[in-house]
């Protein structure tokens, strides 16, 4: 028998993986500036000024320090 909850979860979209720069560090979270100018908070460890990967409010790791190019479609 199929697991209906698992099938339903697979229909929902996954959270996007974001890249941003750490602009401040607090006791329990970091503030991260996204390329569009938005500031979001993320849980996890990071170094001030470094680029990080962020998904669902959790810092997943260090991102490479590359130039960001935005292309409008």
Protein backbone atom coordinates (compact mmCIF):
# COMPACT_ATOMS: atom_id res chain seq x y z
CA UNK A 1 0.00 0.00 0.00
CA UNK A 2 1.31 3.48 -0.91
CA UNK A 3 2.14 6.01 1.79
CA UNK A 4 -0.25 8.87 0.95
CA UNK A 5 1.56 11.42 3.15
CA UNK A 6 4.88 10.76 1.36
CA UNK A 7 3.17 11.09 -2.04
CA UNK A 8 1.56 14.37 -0.94
CA UNK A 9 4.91 15.76 0.33
CA UNK A 10 6.54 15.00 -3.02
CA UNK A 11 3.94 17.22 -4.72
CA UNK A 12 4.93 20.26 -2.65
CA UNK A 13 7.78 22.44 -3.96
CA UNK A 14 11.12 22.28 -2.15
CA UNK A 15 12.55 25.38 -0.46
CA UNK A 16 15.04 27.23 -2.70
CA UNK A 17 18.75 27.31 -1.93
CA UNK A 18 19.79 30.95 -1.43
CA UNK A 19 23.24 32.55 -1.38
CA UNK A 20 24.01 35.63 0.69
CA UNK A 21 26.68 37.50 2.62
CA UNK A 22 26.79 37.46 6.42
CA UNK A 23 26.41 41.07 7.63
CA UNK A 24 26.03 40.53 11.39
CA UNK A 25 26.35 37.73 13.93
CA UNK A 26 24.17 37.40 17.04
CA UNK A 27 24.08 34.83 19.83
CA UNK A 28 21.59 32.47 18.16
CA UNK A 29 21.43 33.59 14.51
CA UNK A 30 23.18 35.50 11.72
CA UNK A 31 21.77 38.22 9.48
CA UNK A 32 22.40 37.56 5.80
CA UNK A 33 22.14 40.05 2.92
CA UNK A 34 20.75 38.51 -0.26
CA UNK A 35 21.79 39.80 -3.72
CA UNK A 36 18.44 41.60 -4.16
CA UNK A 37 19.04 43.65 -1.02
CA UNK A 38 16.81 41.75 1.41
CA UNK A 39 18.13 40.92 4.88
CA UNK A 40 17.15 37.52 6.28
CA UNK A 41 18.16 35.65 9.42
CA UNK A 42 19.63 32.19 9.49
CA UNK A 43 20.51 29.70 12.22
CA UNK A 44 24.00 28.30 12.18
CA UNK A 45 27.65 29.25 12.37
CA UNK A 46 29.29 31.62 9.91
CA UNK A 47 32.10 34.15 9.65
CA UNK A 48 31.30 37.85 9.29
CA UNK A 49 31.63 38.92 5.63
CA UNK A 50 31.60 35.38 4.22
CA UNK A 51 29.12 34.04 1.66
CA UNK A 52 26.85 31.20 2.80
CA UNK A 53 24.18 28.86 1.45
CA UNK A 54 20.80 29.31 3.18
CA UNK A 55 17.67 27.15 2.97
CA UNK A 56 14.56 27.44 5.17
CA UNK A 57 16.33 29.75 7.63
CA UNK A 58 19.25 27.36 8.20
CA UNK A 59 22.81 28.05 7.06
CA UNK A 60 23.88 24.94 5.13
CA UNK A 61 27.50 25.86 4.56
CA UNK A 62 30.05 28.21 3.08
CA UNK A 63 29.46 29.37 -0.50
CA UNK A 64 32.25 30.24 -2.96
CA UNK A 65 33.04 33.96 -3.19
CA UNK A 66 32.01 34.53 -6.82
CA UNK A 67 30.44 37.50 -8.60
CA UNK A 68 26.64 37.50 -8.68
CA UNK A 69 25.02 38.03 -12.09
CA UNK A 70 21.28 38.68 -12.31
CA UNK A 71 19.56 37.94 -15.62
CA UNK A 72 15.99 39.09 -16.23
CA UNK A 73 13.83 36.86 -18.39
